[in-house]
């Protein structure tokens, strides 16, 4: 019996899941440093988040090119790529250390969480003609809820970093599981 190999359309999902895990691990390391050097950690995490967003936008674009998607699925992926690209660029607009990088990071993370939460809920319910995925609805709802709470009442630096770590780890694992399922279906 031969093992099935992932198609080129599934690799961006694996990469996105792995990227989420790496981002979460890096954020965890920065959370530990936040106790010792809070100012520089906020700047580093803002840069890290901006890079994560730009790479994620690139992975979404890669999936657009490699995957055979229905037109409405393609629309959802274009929306996700545009949101992540916009947030990634916004992270680098202006001097990184100017003002309060922590508040800027909190706002960007919150806006991104709300917008992608809405997209995940819609995609999970099959609005974009994709398969209905319960995990995507749940993660979208969590993302939307946390983003709305953080916009209304921004958390402190360490609390936001720990939420980023937990969310990145869960989302990364679920994305890798979904990519594995896609291989089995093929």
N, C-alpha and C. Protein backbone atom coordinates (compact mmCIF):
# COMPACT_ATOMS: atom_id res chain seq x y z
N UNK A 1 0.85 -1.16 0.00
CA UNK A 1 0.00 0.00 0.00
C UNK A 1 0.90 1.24 0.00
N UNK A 2 0.68 2.13 -0.90
CA UNK A 2 1.51 3.33 -0.98
C UNK A 2 0.85 4.47 -0.24
N UNK A 3 1.68 5.28 0.36
CA UNK A 3 1.15 6.45 1.08
C UNK A 3 0.78 7.52 0.08
N UNK A 4 -0.31 8.19 0.34
CA UNK A 4 -0.71 9.25 -0.57
C UNK A 4 0.14 10.49 -0.30
N UNK A 5 0.47 11.18 -1.36
CA UNK A 5 1.29 12.38 -1.23
C UNK A 5 0.39 13.60 -1.35
N UNK A 6 0.70 14.62 -0.57
CA UNK A 6 -0.11 15.83 -0.64
C UNK A 6 -0.02 16.47 -2.02
N UNK A 7 -1.13 16.97 -2.50
CA UNK A 7 -1.11 17.69 -3.77
C UNK A 7 -0.57 19.09 -3.51
N UNK A 8 -0.21 19.77 -4.57
CA UNK A 8 0.36 21.11 -4.42
C UNK A 8 -0.64 22.08 -3.81
N UNK A 9 -1.93 21.82 -3.93
CA UNK A 9 -2.94 22.71 -3.36
C UNK A 9 -3.04 22.60 -1.84
N UNK A 10 -2.55 21.50 -1.25
CA UNK A 10 -2.64 21.30 0.19
C UNK A 10 -1.42 21.88 0.91
N UNK A 11 -0.30 22.01 0.23
CA UNK A 11 0.91 22.51 0.88
C UNK A 11 0.71 23.87 1.54
N UNK A 12 0.00 24.82 0.91
CA UNK A 12 -0.20 26.10 1.61
C UNK A 12 -0.95 25.95 2.94
N UNK A 13 -1.84 24.96 3.04
CA UNK A 13 -2.53 24.74 4.32
C UNK A 13 -1.55 24.23 5.37
N UNK A 14 -0.71 23.27 5.00
CA UNK A 14 0.31 22.79 5.93
C UNK A 14 1.24 23.93 6.34
N UNK A 15 1.65 24.72 5.36
CA UNK A 15 2.55 25.84 5.66
C UNK A 15 1.88 26.85 6.57
N UNK A 16 0.61 27.11 6.34
CA UNK A 16 -0.11 28.07 7.18
C UNK A 16 -0.24 27.56 8.62
N UNK A 17 -0.53 26.28 8.77
CA UNK A 17 -0.60 25.69 10.10
C UNK A 17 0.74 25.73 10.80
N UNK A 18 1.78 25.35 10.08
CA UNK A 18 3.13 25.40 10.66
C UNK A 18 3.55 26.81 11.00
N UNK A 19 3.22 27.74 10.12
CA UNK A 19 3.53 29.15 10.37
C UNK A 19 2.82 29.65 11.62
N UNK A 20 1.58 29.26 11.81
CA UNK A 20 0.85 29.65 13.02
C UNK A 20 1.52 29.10 14.27
N UNK A 21 1.97 27.86 14.20
CA UNK A 21 2.66 27.27 15.35
C UNK A 21 3.98 27.97 15.65
N UNK A 22 4.74 28.27 14.61
CA UNK A 22 6.02 28.96 14.80
C UNK A 22 5.78 30.36 15.34
N UNK A 23 4.77 31.06 14.81
CA UNK A 23 4.44 32.39 15.30
C UNK A 23 4.05 32.33 16.78
N UNK A 24 3.25 31.35 17.15
CA UNK A 24 2.86 31.19 18.55
C UNK A 24 4.04 30.91 19.46
N UNK A 25 4.97 30.07 19.00
CA UNK A 25 6.16 29.77 19.79
C UNK A 25 7.03 31.01 19.95
N UNK A 26 7.21 31.77 18.88
CA UNK A 26 8.00 33.00 18.96
C UNK A 26 7.33 34.00 19.90
N UNK A 27 6.00 34.10 19.84
CA UNK A 27 5.27 35.00 20.73
C UNK A 27 5.43 34.55 22.18
N UNK A 28 5.45 33.25 22.42
CA UNK A 28 5.66 32.74 23.78
C UNK A 28 7.03 33.14 24.31
N UNK A 29 8.05 33.00 23.48
CA UNK A 29 9.39 33.42 23.89
C UNK A 29 9.42 34.92 24.18
N UNK A 30 8.71 35.69 23.36
CA UNK A 30 8.67 37.13 23.61
C UNK A 30 7.88 37.47 24.87
N UNK A 31 6.89 36.65 25.20
CA UNK A 31 6.13 36.87 26.44
C UNK A 31 7.04 36.72 27.66
N UNK A 32 7.93 35.76 27.58
CA UNK A 32 8.88 35.57 28.68
C UNK A 32 9.81 36.79 28.77
N UNK A 33 10.25 37.29 27.64
CA UNK A 33 11.12 38.47 27.63
C UNK A 33 10.37 39.75 28.01
N UNK A 34 9.04 39.75 27.84
CA UNK A 34 8.25 40.95 28.13
C UNK A 34 8.37 41.38 29.57
N UNK A 35 8.59 40.44 30.45
CA UNK A 35 8.76 40.77 31.86
C UNK A 35 10.05 41.55 32.07
N UNK A 36 11.07 41.22 31.30
CA UNK A 36 12.38 41.85 31.48
C UNK A 36 12.54 43.14 30.66
N UNK A 37 12.05 43.13 29.42
CA UNK A 37 12.24 44.27 28.52
C UNK A 37 10.93 44.59 27.78
N UNK A 38 9.95 45.17 28.46
CA UNK A 38 8.63 45.35 27.83
C UNK A 38 8.63 46.23 26.58
N UNK A 39 9.41 47.28 26.54
CA UNK A 39 9.39 48.19 25.39
C UNK A 39 9.83 47.53 24.10
N UNK A 40 10.97 46.89 24.12
CA UNK A 40 11.51 46.28 22.91
C UNK A 40 10.69 45.06 22.48
N UNK A 41 10.10 44.36 23.43
CA UNK A 41 9.30 43.18 23.10
C UNK A 41 8.06 43.60 22.30
N UNK A 42 7.45 44.70 22.68
CA UNK A 42 6.28 45.18 21.93
C UNK A 42 6.65 45.48 20.48
N UNK A 43 7.79 46.10 20.29
CA UNK A 43 8.24 46.40 18.94
C UNK A 43 8.54 45.12 18.16
N UNK A 44 9.22 44.19 18.80
CA UNK A 44 9.55 42.92 18.14
C UNK A 44 8.29 42.13 17.78
N UNK A 45 7.32 42.11 18.68
CA UNK A 45 6.10 41.38 18.40
C UNK A 45 5.30 42.04 17.29
N UNK A 46 5.33 43.36 17.22
CA UNK A 46 4.66 44.07 16.13
C UNK A 46 5.29 43.70 14.79
N UNK A 47 6.62 43.67 14.74
CA UNK A 47 7.33 43.27 13.51
C UNK A 47 7.03 41.81 13.18
N UNK A 48 7.06 40.95 14.18
CA UNK A 48 6.78 39.53 13.97
C UNK A 48 5.36 39.33 13.44
N UNK A 49 4.40 40.04 14.03
CA UNK A 49 3.01 39.93 13.58
C UNK A 49 2.87 40.44 12.15
N UNK A 50 3.52 41.55 11.83
CA UNK A 50 3.47 42.08 10.47
C UNK A 50 4.04 41.09 9.46
N UNK A 51 5.16 40.46 9.80
CA UNK A 51 5.76 39.44 8.92
C UNK A 51 4.83 38.24 8.77
N UNK A 52 4.23 37.80 9.87
CA UNK A 52 3.29 36.68 9.84
C UNK A 52 2.14 36.99 8.89
N UNK A 53 1.61 38.21 8.97
CA UNK A 53 0.48 38.60 8.11
C UNK A 53 0.89 38.60 6.64
N UNK A 54 2.06 39.14 6.33
CA UNK A 54 2.52 39.19 4.94
C UNK A 54 2.77 37.80 4.38
N UNK A 55 3.36 36.92 5.18
CA UNK A 55 3.60 35.55 4.74
C UNK A 55 2.27 34.82 4.56
N UNK A 56 1.33 35.03 5.49
CA UNK A 56 0.02 34.39 5.39
C UNK A 56 -0.72 34.86 4.14
N UNK A 57 -0.60 36.13 3.80
CA UNK A 57 -1.21 36.64 2.57
C UNK A 57 -0.57 35.97 1.35
N UNK A 58 0.74 35.75 1.42
CA UNK A 58 1.42 35.05 0.33
C UNK A 58 0.97 33.60 0.21
N UNK A 59 0.75 32.94 1.35
CA UNK A 59 0.27 31.56 1.31
C UNK A 59 -1.15 31.48 0.74
N UNK A 60 -1.98 32.45 1.11
CA UNK A 60 -3.34 32.48 0.55
C UNK A 60 -3.28 32.70 -0.95
N UNK A 61 -2.38 33.56 -1.39
CA UNK A 61 -2.22 33.80 -2.82
C UNK A 61 -1.72 32.54 -3.52
N UNK A 62 -0.79 31.83 -2.86
CA UNK A 62 -0.30 30.57 -3.42
C UNK A 62 -1.41 29.54 -3.56
N UNK A 63 -2.27 29.48 -2.57
CA UNK A 63 -3.40 28.55 -2.64
C UNK A 63 -4.36 28.93 -3.76
N UNK A 64 -4.52 30.24 -3.99
CA UNK A 64 -5.36 30.69 -5.10
C UNK A 64 -4.83 30.17 -6.43
N UNK A 65 -3.51 30.17 -6.56
CA UNK A 65 -2.88 29.73 -7.80
C UNK A 65 -2.88 28.21 -7.93
N UNK A 66 -2.60 27.50 -6.83
CA UNK A 66 -2.40 26.06 -6.89
C UNK A 66 -3.68 25.23 -6.78
N UNK A 67 -4.66 25.72 -6.06
CA UNK A 67 -5.85 24.91 -5.80
C UNK A 67 -6.90 25.13 -6.88
N UNK A 68 -7.64 24.08 -7.12
CA UNK A 68 -8.78 24.17 -8.04
C UNK A 68 -10.00 24.50 -7.20
N UNK A 69 -10.32 25.79 -7.12
CA UNK A 69 -11.40 26.25 -6.26
C UNK A 69 -12.59 26.71 -7.08
N UNK A 70 -13.76 26.58 -6.47
CA UNK A 70 -14.95 27.14 -7.08
C UNK A 70 -14.87 28.66 -7.00
N UNK A 71 -15.57 29.36 -7.88
CA UNK A 71 -15.48 30.83 -7.87
C UNK A 71 -15.79 31.47 -6.51
N UNK A 72 -16.77 30.96 -5.79
CA UNK A 72 -17.10 31.56 -4.49
C UNK A 72 -16.06 31.21 -3.43
N UNK A 73 -15.45 30.02 -3.54
CA UNK A 73 -14.35 29.67 -2.63
C UNK A 73 -13.17 30.61 -2.88
N UNK A 74 -12.93 30.87 -4.15
CA UNK A 74 -11.86 31.78 -4.54
C UNK A 74 -12.11 33.18 -3.95
N UNK A 75 -13.37 33.62 -3.95
CA UNK A 75 -13.73 34.92 -3.40
C UNK A 75 -13.39 35.01 -1.91
N UNK A 76 -13.70 33.97 -1.16
CA UNK A 76 -13.37 33.94 0.26
C UNK A 76 -11.88 34.00 0.50
N UNK A 77 -11.12 33.28 -0.32
CA UNK A 77 -9.67 33.27 -0.17
C UNK A 77 -9.07 34.62 -0.58
N UNK A 78 -9.63 35.25 -1.59
CA UNK A 78 -9.17 36.60 -1.98
C UNK A 78 -9.43 37.58 -0.85
N UNK A 79 -10.60 37.48 -0.22
CA UNK A 79 -10.92 38.37 0.91
C UNK A 79 -9.93 38.16 2.05
N UNK A 80 -9.61 36.90 2.37
CA UNK A 80 -8.65 36.61 3.44
C UNK A 80 -7.27 37.17 3.08
N UNK A 81 -6.84 36.97 1.85
CA UNK A 81 -5.53 37.47 1.42
C UNK A 81 -5.49 39.00 1.51
N UNK A 82 -6.56 39.66 1.10
CA UNK A 82 -6.60 41.12 1.14
C UNK A 82 -6.56 41.64 2.58
N UNK A 83 -7.30 40.98 3.47
CA UNK A 83 -7.30 41.40 4.88
C UNK A 83 -5.93 41.22 5.49
N UNK A 84 -5.33 40.05 5.31
CA UNK A 84 -4.02 39.81 5.93
C UNK A 84 -2.94 40.70 5.32
N UNK A 85 -3.03 40.94 4.02
CA UNK A 85 -2.06 41.84 3.39
C UNK A 85 -2.22 43.26 3.94
N UNK A 86 -3.46 43.72 4.05
CA UNK A 86 -3.71 45.07 4.58
C UNK A 86 -3.22 45.23 6.00
N UNK A 87 -3.49 44.24 6.85
CA UNK A 87 -3.04 44.32 8.24
C UNK A 87 -1.51 44.21 8.31
N UNK A 88 -0.93 43.37 7.47
CA UNK A 88 0.53 43.24 7.45
C UNK A 88 1.21 44.53 7.03
N UNK A 89 0.68 45.19 6.02
CA UNK A 89 1.24 46.47 5.59
C UNK A 89 1.04 47.52 6.68
N UNK A 90 -0.14 47.53 7.31
CA UNK A 90 -0.42 48.50 8.37
C UNK A 90 0.55 48.36 9.54
N UNK A 91 1.03 47.15 9.78
CA UNK A 91 1.99 46.94 10.88
C UNK A 91 3.30 47.67 10.62
N UNK A 92 3.64 47.87 9.36
CA UNK A 92 4.92 48.50 9.02
C UNK A 92 4.79 49.96 8.59
N UNK A 93 3.57 50.49 8.54
CA UNK A 93 3.38 51.88 8.16
C UNK A 93 3.82 52.76 9.33
N UNK A 94 4.70 53.67 9.06
CA UNK A 94 5.20 54.54 10.11
C UNK A 94 6.31 53.86 10.88
N UNK A 95 6.97 54.63 11.72
CA UNK A 95 8.06 54.04 12.52
C UNK A 95 7.52 53.00 13.51
N UNK A 96 8.20 51.89 13.61
CA UNK A 96 7.76 50.80 14.49
C UNK A 96 7.75 51.25 15.94
N UNK A 97 8.77 51.98 16.35
CA UNK A 97 8.90 52.35 17.76
C UNK A 97 8.15 53.64 18.11
N UNK A 98 7.53 54.30 17.13
CA UNK A 98 6.85 55.56 17.40
C UNK A 98 5.57 55.32 18.21
N UNK A 99 5.30 56.22 19.09
CA UNK A 99 4.07 56.11 19.88
C UNK A 99 4.12 54.92 20.81
N UNK A 100 3.05 54.18 20.80
CA UNK A 100 2.95 53.00 21.66
C UNK A 100 2.76 51.77 20.78
N UNK A 101 3.83 51.05 20.51
CA UNK A 101 3.71 49.89 19.62
C UNK A 101 2.76 48.83 20.18
N UNK A 102 2.62 48.77 21.49
CA UNK A 102 1.74 47.77 22.07
C UNK A 102 0.28 48.04 21.72
N UNK A 103 -0.12 49.30 21.80
CA UNK A 103 -1.50 49.65 21.45
C UNK A 103 -1.74 49.42 19.97
N UNK A 104 -0.75 49.74 19.16
CA UNK A 104 -0.87 49.52 17.71
C UNK A 104 -1.02 48.03 17.42
N UNK A 105 -0.21 47.22 18.07
CA UNK A 105 -0.30 45.77 17.89
C UNK A 105 -1.67 45.26 18.33
N UNK A 106 -2.13 45.71 19.48
CA UNK A 106 -3.44 45.29 19.98
C UNK A 106 -4.55 45.63 19.02
N UNK A 107 -4.51 46.83 18.46
CA UNK A 107 -5.53 47.24 17.50
C UNK A 107 -5.47 46.39 16.24
N UNK A 108 -4.27 46.18 15.71
CA UNK A 108 -4.13 45.38 14.49
C UNK A 108 -4.58 43.94 14.70
N UNK A 109 -4.17 43.35 15.80
CA UNK A 109 -4.56 41.97 16.10
C UNK A 109 -6.09 41.89 16.25
N UNK A 110 -6.67 42.86 16.93
CA UNK A 110 -8.12 42.85 17.16
C UNK A 110 -8.90 43.00 15.86
N UNK A 111 -8.50 43.95 15.02
CA UNK A 111 -9.18 44.15 13.74
C UNK A 111 -9.05 42.91 12.87
N UNK A 112 -7.84 42.35 12.82
CA UNK A 112 -7.62 41.14 12.04
C UNK A 112 -8.49 40.00 12.57
N UNK A 113 -8.57 39.85 13.89
CA UNK A 113 -9.35 38.77 14.49
C UNK A 113 -10.83 38.91 14.17
N UNK A 114 -11.35 40.12 14.22
CA UNK A 114 -12.77 40.34 13.90
C UNK A 114 -13.05 40.01 12.44
N UNK A 115 -12.24 40.55 11.54
CA UNK A 115 -12.49 40.34 10.10
C UNK A 115 -12.30 38.89 9.67
N UNK A 116 -11.22 38.26 10.13
CA UNK A 116 -11.03 36.86 9.74
C UNK A 116 -12.00 35.95 10.47
N UNK A 117 -12.43 36.35 11.67
CA UNK A 117 -13.46 35.58 12.37
C UNK A 117 -14.75 35.53 11.57
N UNK A 118 -15.14 36.68 11.03
CA UNK A 118 -16.34 36.72 10.18
C UNK A 118 -16.16 35.84 8.94
N UNK A 119 -14.98 35.91 8.33
CA UNK A 119 -14.72 35.07 7.15
C UNK A 119 -14.75 33.58 7.49
N UNK A 120 -14.15 33.22 8.63
CA UNK A 120 -14.13 31.81 9.04
C UNK A 120 -15.54 31.30 9.32
N UNK A 121 -16.36 32.10 9.97
CA UNK A 121 -17.74 31.69 10.23
C UNK A 121 -18.48 31.48 8.91
N UNK A 122 -18.33 32.43 8.01
CA UNK A 122 -18.99 32.31 6.71
C UNK A 122 -18.50 31.09 5.94
N UNK A 123 -17.19 30.89 5.93
CA UNK A 123 -16.63 29.73 5.22
C UNK A 123 -17.05 28.43 5.89
N UNK A 124 -17.10 28.41 7.20
CA UNK A 124 -17.50 27.20 7.94
C UNK A 124 -18.93 26.80 7.66
N UNK A 125 -19.78 27.79 7.42
CA UNK A 125 -21.18 27.50 7.08
C UNK A 125 -21.38 27.24 5.59
N UNK A 126 -20.30 27.29 4.81
CA UNK A 126 -20.40 26.98 3.39
C UNK A 126 -20.83 28.14 2.52
N UNK A 127 -20.74 29.37 3.03
CA UNK A 127 -21.15 30.54 2.25
C UNK A 127 -20.34 30.66 0.97
N UNK A 128 -19.08 30.26 1.02
CA UNK A 128 -18.23 30.37 -0.15
C UNK A 128 -18.20 29.07 -0.96
N UNK A 129 -19.24 28.26 -0.84
CA UNK A 129 -19.40 27.00 -1.58
C UNK A 129 -18.42 25.92 -1.18
N UNK A 130 -17.68 26.10 -0.12
CA UNK A 130 -16.76 25.07 0.34
C UNK A 130 -17.49 24.09 1.25
N UNK A 131 -16.77 23.11 1.70
CA UNK A 131 -17.35 22.14 2.63
C UNK A 131 -17.66 22.84 3.96
N UNK A 132 -18.73 22.38 4.61
CA UNK A 132 -19.05 22.93 5.92
C UNK A 132 -18.10 22.33 6.94
N UNK A 133 -17.49 23.21 7.74
CA UNK A 133 -16.52 22.76 8.72
C UNK A 133 -16.86 23.34 10.08
N UNK A 134 -17.25 22.49 10.98
CA UNK A 134 -17.64 22.94 12.32
C UNK A 134 -16.49 23.64 13.04
N UNK A 135 -15.26 23.09 12.91
CA UNK A 135 -14.12 23.69 13.59
C UNK A 135 -13.88 25.11 13.11
N UNK A 136 -14.14 25.39 11.84
CA UNK A 136 -13.92 26.72 11.29
C UNK A 136 -14.94 27.71 11.85
N UNK A 137 -16.17 27.26 12.05
CA UNK A 137 -17.19 28.11 12.65
C UNK A 137 -16.80 28.43 14.10
N UNK A 138 -16.37 27.42 14.84
CA UNK A 138 -15.98 27.62 16.24
C UNK A 138 -14.78 28.57 16.33
N UNK A 139 -13.75 28.32 15.55
CA UNK A 139 -12.58 29.20 15.59
C UNK A 139 -12.92 30.60 15.12
N UNK A 140 -13.80 30.72 14.14
CA UNK A 140 -14.24 32.03 13.69
C UNK A 140 -14.98 32.78 14.78
N UNK A 141 -15.84 32.07 15.49
CA UNK A 141 -16.59 32.70 16.59
C UNK A 141 -15.65 33.13 17.71
N UNK A 142 -14.66 32.29 18.04
CA UNK A 142 -13.69 32.64 19.08
C UNK A 142 -12.88 33.86 18.63
N UNK A 143 -12.44 33.84 17.40
CA UNK A 143 -11.66 34.95 16.86
C UNK A 143 -12.47 36.24 16.86
N UNK A 144 -13.70 36.16 16.39
CA UNK A 144 -14.58 37.33 16.36
C UNK A 144 -14.83 37.86 17.77
N UNK A 145 -15.14 36.96 18.69
CA UNK A 145 -15.42 37.37 20.06
C UNK A 145 -14.22 38.01 20.74
N UNK A 146 -13.05 37.35 20.63
CA UNK A 146 -11.84 37.92 21.24
C UNK A 146 -11.47 39.25 20.61
N UNK A 147 -11.57 39.32 19.30
CA UNK A 147 -11.25 40.59 18.62
C UNK A 147 -12.16 41.71 19.07
N UNK A 148 -13.44 41.44 19.19
CA UNK A 148 -14.39 42.47 19.63
C UNK A 148 -14.11 42.88 21.07
N UNK A 149 -13.84 41.91 21.94
CA UNK A 149 -13.53 42.23 23.34
C UNK A 149 -12.25 43.06 23.43
N UNK A 150 -11.24 42.68 22.65
CA UNK A 150 -9.97 43.40 22.72
C UNK A 150 -10.07 44.80 22.12
N UNK A 151 -10.97 44.99 21.14
CA UNK A 151 -11.19 46.34 20.62
C UNK A 151 -11.88 47.21 21.67
N UNK A 152 -12.86 46.62 22.35
CA UNK A 152 -13.61 47.37 23.36
C UNK A 152 -12.79 47.61 24.62
N UNK A 153 -12.01 46.63 25.01
CA UNK A 153 -11.23 46.73 26.25
C UNK A 153 -9.86 46.08 26.01
N UNK A 154 -8.91 46.85 25.50
CA UNK A 154 -7.60 46.28 25.15
C UNK A 154 -6.91 45.64 26.36
N UNK A 155 -6.35 44.45 26.17
CA UNK A 155 -5.64 43.78 27.27
C UNK A 155 -4.24 44.35 27.44
N UNK A 156 -3.61 43.98 28.52
CA UNK A 156 -2.22 44.37 28.74
C UNK A 156 -1.30 43.61 27.81
N UNK A 157 -0.05 44.00 27.82
CA UNK A 157 0.93 43.43 26.91
C UNK A 157 1.09 41.92 27.09
N UNK A 158 1.27 41.47 28.31
CA UNK A 158 1.50 40.05 28.54
C UNK A 158 0.24 39.25 28.26
N UNK A 159 -0.92 39.77 28.66
CA UNK A 159 -2.18 39.06 28.41
C UNK A 159 -2.43 38.90 26.91
N UNK A 160 -2.21 39.97 26.14
CA UNK A 160 -2.41 39.88 24.69
C UNK A 160 -1.43 38.88 24.08
N UNK A 161 -0.19 38.91 24.53
CA UNK A 161 0.81 37.97 24.00
C UNK A 161 0.41 36.53 24.29
N UNK A 162 -0.08 36.26 25.49
CA UNK A 162 -0.49 34.89 25.83
C UNK A 162 -1.71 34.46 25.04
N UNK A 163 -2.66 35.37 24.80
CA UNK A 163 -3.81 35.04 23.94
C UNK A 163 -3.34 34.73 22.52
N UNK A 164 -2.39 35.51 22.03
CA UNK A 164 -1.84 35.26 20.68
C UNK A 164 -1.20 33.87 20.64
N UNK A 165 -0.45 33.53 21.67
CA UNK A 165 0.22 32.22 21.74
C UNK A 165 -0.82 31.10 21.69
N UNK A 166 -1.83 31.18 22.56
CA UNK A 166 -2.84 30.12 22.62
C UNK A 166 -3.62 30.01 21.32
N UNK A 167 -4.05 31.13 20.78
CA UNK A 167 -4.84 31.10 19.55
C UNK A 167 -4.01 30.57 18.39
N UNK A 168 -2.76 31.01 18.29
CA UNK A 168 -1.89 30.54 17.21
C UNK A 168 -1.66 29.03 17.28
N UNK A 169 -1.46 28.52 18.49
CA UNK A 169 -1.24 27.09 18.65
C UNK A 169 -2.48 26.29 18.25
N UNK A 170 -3.63 26.70 18.73
CA UNK A 170 -4.87 25.98 18.40
C UNK A 170 -5.17 26.07 16.90
N UNK A 171 -5.07 27.26 16.35
CA UNK A 171 -5.36 27.45 14.93
C UNK A 171 -4.36 26.69 14.06
N UNK A 172 -3.08 26.69 14.47
CA UNK A 172 -2.08 25.96 13.70
C UNK A 172 -2.35 24.47 13.68
N UNK A 173 -2.67 23.90 14.83
CA UNK A 173 -2.96 22.46 14.90
C UNK A 173 -4.20 22.13 14.07
N UNK A 174 -5.26 22.92 14.21
CA UNK A 174 -6.48 22.65 13.45
C UNK A 174 -6.27 22.77 11.94
N UNK A 175 -5.45 23.73 11.52
CA UNK A 175 -5.17 23.88 10.09
C UNK A 175 -4.38 22.70 9.56
N UNK A 176 -3.42 22.20 10.33
CA UNK A 176 -2.66 21.02 9.90
C UNK A 176 -3.57 19.79 9.85
N UNK A 177 -4.46 19.65 10.83
CA UNK A 177 -5.41 18.53 10.82
C UNK A 177 -6.30 18.62 9.57
N UNK A 178 -6.77 19.82 9.25
CA UNK A 178 -7.61 20.00 8.07
C UNK A 178 -6.85 19.66 6.78
N UNK A 179 -5.59 20.05 6.72
CA UNK A 179 -4.77 19.71 5.55
C UNK A 179 -4.59 18.21 5.44
N UNK A 180 -4.42 17.53 6.56
CA UNK A 180 -4.28 16.08 6.57
C UNK A 180 -5.57 15.42 6.08
N UNK A 181 -6.70 15.95 6.51
CA UNK A 181 -7.99 15.42 6.03
C UNK A 181 -8.13 15.62 4.54
N UNK A 182 -7.69 16.75 4.04
CA UNK A 182 -7.79 17.02 2.60
C UNK A 182 -6.99 16.00 1.81
N UNK A 183 -5.86 15.57 2.37
CA UNK A 183 -5.04 14.55 1.68
C UNK A 183 -5.80 13.23 1.65
N UNK A 184 -6.42 12.87 2.78
CA UNK A 184 -7.15 11.59 2.83
C UNK A 184 -8.32 11.58 1.88
N UNK A 185 -8.99 12.72 1.71
CA UNK A 185 -10.13 12.80 0.79
C UNK A 185 -9.69 12.61 -0.64
N UNK A 186 -8.51 13.13 -0.95
CA UNK A 186 -7.99 13.03 -2.32
C UNK A 186 -7.59 11.61 -2.57
